Amino acid sequence: GPLAQALVRLGSGDAIQTLIGHIEPRAPKEISRIAAESGALLMTSPRFEIEGVMGAFISALNRLPEASAAPQDSWPLKTLRQLTGKSFVGTTDYAIWWNDPASRHDFLEQRKK
């Protein structure tokens, strides 16, 4: 928790890469959750260049096992919804959305406003 908060305050690309590195199936769920939420917080900063890391962030969340009960309410989906403003059914849908050049361009343009 405190380390993630310190990385968010640093606000650099290195900080987000470190946080993304802790979002993995072998990590304790709480560590992955804190890293993901902190990463999303850092990425929502208007000065943060999200384009270079969004794909890696979505991929990391997509590698996590689905929650068995009510997957639509899982914290990975909630984190992606807050970050993107999109309401997709699964983390794979976010990867498909991000990999579509027109969708990515529209998102990045909206973010600049």
C-alpha atoms as a PDB file:
ATOM      1  CA  GLY A   1       0.000   0.000   0.000  1.00  0.00           C
ATOM      2  CA  PRO A   2       2.457   2.730   1.070  1.00  0.00           C
ATOM      3  CA  LEU A   3       4.965   1.725  -1.607  1.00  0.00           C
ATOM      4  CA  ALA A   4       2.253   1.885  -4.276  1.00  0.00           C
ATOM      5  CA  GLN A   5       1.240   5.332  -3.035  1.00  0.00           C
ATOM      6  CA  ALA A   6       4.843   6.493  -3.247  1.00  0.00           C
ATOM      7  CA  LEU A   7       5.103   5.205  -6.819  1.00  0.00           C
ATOM      8  CA  VAL A   8       1.913   7.066  -7.717  1.00  0.00           C
ATOM      9  CA  ARG A   9       3.389  10.274  -6.320  1.00  0.00           C
ATOM     10  CA  LEU A  10       6.482   9.783  -8.472  1.00  0.00           C
ATOM     11  CA  GLY A  11       4.214   9.659 -11.492  1.00  0.00           C
ATOM     12  CA  SER A  12       6.705   8.240 -13.954  1.00  0.00           C
ATOM     13  CA  GLY A  13       6.578   5.547 -16.584  1.00  0.00           C
ATOM     14  CA  ASP A  14       8.919   3.500 -14.414  1.00  0.00           C
ATOM     15  CA  ALA A  15       6.422   3.652 -11.567  1.00  0.00           C
ATOM     16  CA  ILE A  16       3.588   2.312 -13.692  1.00  0.00           C
ATOM     17  CA  GLN A  17       5.780  -0.482 -15.069  1.00  0.00           C
ATOM     18  CA  THR A  18       6.620  -1.511 -11.507  1.00  0.00           C
ATOM     19  CA  LEU A  19       2.947  -1.520 -10.547  1.00  0.00           C
ATOM     20  CA  ILE A  20       1.967  -3.483 -13.656  1.00  0.00           C
ATOM     21  CA  GLY A  21       4.687  -6.009 -12.821  1.00  0.00           C
ATOM     22  CA  HIS A  22       2.888  -6.775  -9.555  1.00  0.00           C
ATOM     23  CA  ILE A  23      -0.411  -7.579 -11.268  1.00  0.00           C
ATOM     24  CA  GLU A  24      -0.028 -11.288 -11.866  1.00  0.00           C
ATOM     25  CA  PRO A  25      -1.803 -14.547 -11.102  1.00  0.00           C
ATOM     26  CA  ARG A  26       0.995 -15.809  -8.817  1.00  0.00           C
ATOM     27  CA  ALA A  27       0.988 -12.688  -6.654  1.00  0.00           C
ATOM     28  CA  PRO A  28      -1.284 -12.508  -3.632  1.00  0.00           C
ATOM     29  CA  LYS A  29      -4.659 -11.138  -4.742  1.00  0.00           C
ATOM     30  CA  GLU A  30      -4.366  -8.158  -2.420  1.00  0.00           C
ATOM     31  CA  ILE A  31      -0.988  -7.158  -3.904  1.00  0.00           C
ATOM     32  CA  SER A  32      -2.381  -7.365  -7.437  1.00  0.00           C
ATOM     33  CA  ARG A  33      -5.427  -5.341  -6.443  1.00  0.00           C
ATOM     34  CA  ILE A  34      -3.397  -2.592  -4.752  1.00  0.00           C
ATOM     35  CA  ALA A  35      -0.996  -2.440  -7.711  1.00  0.00           C
ATOM     36  CA  ALA A  36      -3.886  -2.237 -10.200  1.00  0.00           C
ATOM     37  CA  GLU A  37      -5.802   0.413  -8.291  1.00  0.00           C
ATOM     38  CA  SER A  38      -2.653   2.472  -7.761  1.00  0.00           C
ATOM     39  CA  GLY A  39      -1.719   2.107 -11.429  1.00  0.00           C
ATOM     40  CA  ALA A  40      -5.179   3.232 -12.504  1.00  0.00           C
ATOM     41  CA  LEU A  41      -4.919   6.219 -10.173  1.00  0.00           C
ATOM     42  CA  LEU A  42      -1.576   7.187 -11.669  1.00  0.00           C
ATOM     43  CA  MET A  43      -2.889   6.743 -15.203  1.00  0.00           C
ATOM     44  CA  THR A  44      -5.870   9.036 -14.605  1.00  0.00           C
ATOM     45  CA  SER A  45      -3.554  11.958 -13.976  1.00  0.00           C
ATOM     46  CA  PRO A  46      -3.958  14.418 -16.875  1.00  0.00           C
ATOM     47  CA  ARG A  47      -0.192  14.732 -17.237  1.00  0.00           C
ATOM     48  CA  PHE A  48       0.372  10.979 -17.537  1.00  0.00           C
ATOM     49  CA  GLU A  49       0.985   9.560 -21.028  1.00  0.00           C
ATOM     50  CA  ILE A  50      -1.400   6.622 -20.932  1.00  0.00           C
ATOM     51  CA  GLU A  51      -1.002   5.388 -24.504  1.00  0.00           C
ATOM     52  CA  GLY A  52       2.271   3.541 -23.958  1.00  0.00           C
ATOM     53  CA  VAL A  53       1.115   1.570 -20.936  1.00  0.00           C
ATOM     54  CA  MET A  54      -2.613   1.000 -21.317  1.00  0.00           C
ATOM     55  CA  GLY A  55      -2.170  -2.184 -23.344  1.00  0.00           C
ATOM     56  CA  ALA A  56       0.204  -3.677 -20.771  1.00  0.00           C
ATOM     57  CA  PHE A  57      -2.139  -2.682 -17.949  1.00  0.00           C
ATOM     58  CA  ILE A  58      -5.153  -4.309 -19.618  1.00  0.00           C
ATOM     59  CA  SER A  59      -3.104  -7.435 -20.452  1.00  0.00           C
ATOM     60  CA  ALA A  60      -1.970  -7.774 -16.840  1.00  0.00           C
ATOM     61  CA  LEU A  61      -5.548  -7.591 -15.586  1.00  0.00           C
ATOM     62  CA  ASN A  62      -6.664  -9.975 -18.322  1.00  0.00           C
ATOM     63  CA  ARG A  63      -4.185 -12.633 -17.087  1.00  0.00           C
ATOM     64  CA  LEU A  64      -5.782 -12.737 -13.634  1.00  0.00           C
ATOM     65  CA  PRO A  65      -8.224 -15.581 -12.984  1.00  0.00           C
ATOM     66  CA  GLU A  66     -11.909 -14.668 -13.234  1.00  0.00           C
ATOM     67  CA  ALA A  67     -13.822 -14.380 -10.004  1.00  0.00           C
ATOM     68  CA  SER A  68     -16.236 -17.295  -9.816  1.00  0.00           C
ATOM     69  CA  ALA A  69     -19.136 -15.386  -8.288  1.00  0.00           C
ATOM     70  CA  ALA A  70     -20.445 -12.360 -10.219  1.00  0.00           C
ATOM     71  CA  PRO A  71     -17.428 -11.784 -12.498  1.00  0.00           C
ATOM     72  CA  GLN A  72     -19.001  -8.527 -13.735  1.00  0.00           C
ATOM     73  CA  ASP A  73     -18.454  -7.121 -10.226  1.00  0.00           C
ATOM     74  CA  SER A  74     -14.790  -8.164  -9.965  1.00  0.00           C
ATOM     75  CA  TRP A  75     -12.246  -5.549  -8.958  1.00  0.00           C
ATOM     76  CA  PRO A  76     -10.295  -5.856 -12.254  1.00  0.00           C
ATOM     77  CA  LEU A  77     -13.422  -4.897 -14.190  1.00  0.00           C
ATOM     78  CA  LYS A  78     -14.278  -2.104 -11.763  1.00  0.00           C
ATOM     79  CA  THR A  79     -10.732  -0.756 -12.110  1.00  0.00           C
ATOM     80  CA  LEU A  80     -10.930  -0.788 -15.913  1.00  0.00           C
ATOM     81  CA  ARG A  81     -14.374   0.829 -15.864  1.00  0.00           C
ATOM     82  CA  GLN A  82     -13.110   3.661 -13.692  1.00  0.00           C
ATOM     83  CA  LEU A  83     -10.021   4.157 -15.828  1.00  0.00           C
ATOM     84  CA  THR A  84     -11.694   4.036 -19.233  1.00  0.00           C
ATOM     85  CA  GLY A  85     -15.284   5.065 -18.642  1.00  0.00           C
ATOM     86  CA  LYS A  86     -16.333   1.952 -20.603  1.00  0.00           C
ATOM     87  CA  SER A  87     -18.618  -0.792 -19.277  1.00  0.00           C
ATOM     88  CA  PHE A  88     -17.565  -4.004 -20.943  1.00  0.00           C
ATOM     89  CA  VAL A  89     -18.485  -7.490 -19.729  1.00  0.00           C
ATOM     90  CA  GLY A  90     -14.963  -8.896 -19.375  1.00  0.00           C
ATOM     91  CA  THR A  91     -11.332  -7.853 -19.360  1.00  0.00           C
ATOM     92  CA  THR A  92     -10.891  -9.399 -22.817  1.00  0.00           C
ATOM     93  CA  ASP A  93     -13.396  -6.881 -24.152  1.00  0.00           C
ATOM     94  CA  TYR A  94     -11.151  -4.062 -22.927  1.00  0.00           C
ATOM     95  CA  ALA A  95      -8.202  -5.591 -24.787  1.00  0.00           C
ATOM     96  CA  ILE A  96     -10.268  -5.793 -27.983  1.00  0.00           C
ATOM     97  CA  TRP A  97     -11.401  -2.182 -27.523  1.00  0.00           C
ATOM     98  CA  TRP A  98      -7.872  -0.905 -26.884  1.00  0.00           C
ATOM     99  CA  ASN A  99      -6.426  -2.802 -29.849  1.00  0.00           C
ATOM    100  CA  ASP A 100      -8.902  -1.157 -32.225  1.00  0.00           C
ATOM    101  CA  PRO A 101      -7.018   1.890 -33.604  1.00  0.00           C
ATOM    102  CA  ALA A 102     -10.142   4.026 -34.031  1.00  0.00           C
ATOM    103  CA  SER A 103     -11.379   3.328 -30.485  1.00  0.00           C
ATOM    104  CA  ARG A 104      -7.955   4.017 -29.015  1.00  0.00           C
ATOM    105  CA  HIS A 105      -7.662   7.270 -30.972  1.00  0.00           C
ATOM    106  CA  ASP A 106     -11.124   8.429 -29.822  1.00  0.00           C
ATOM    107  CA  PHE A 107     -10.279   7.632 -26.186  1.00  0.00           C
ATOM    108  CA  LEU A 108      -6.971   9.485 -26.320  1.00  0.00           C
ATOM    109  CA  GLU A 109      -8.566  12.493 -28.011  1.00  0.00           C
ATOM    110  CA  GLN A 110     -11.303  12.653 -25.354  1.00  0.00           C
ATOM    111  CA  ARG A 111      -8.651  12.473 -22.658  1.00  0.00           C
ATOM    112  CA  LYS A 112      -6.896  15.549 -24.070  1.00  0.00           C
ATOM    113  CA  LYS A 113     -10.038  17.688 -23.633  1.00  0.00           C
END
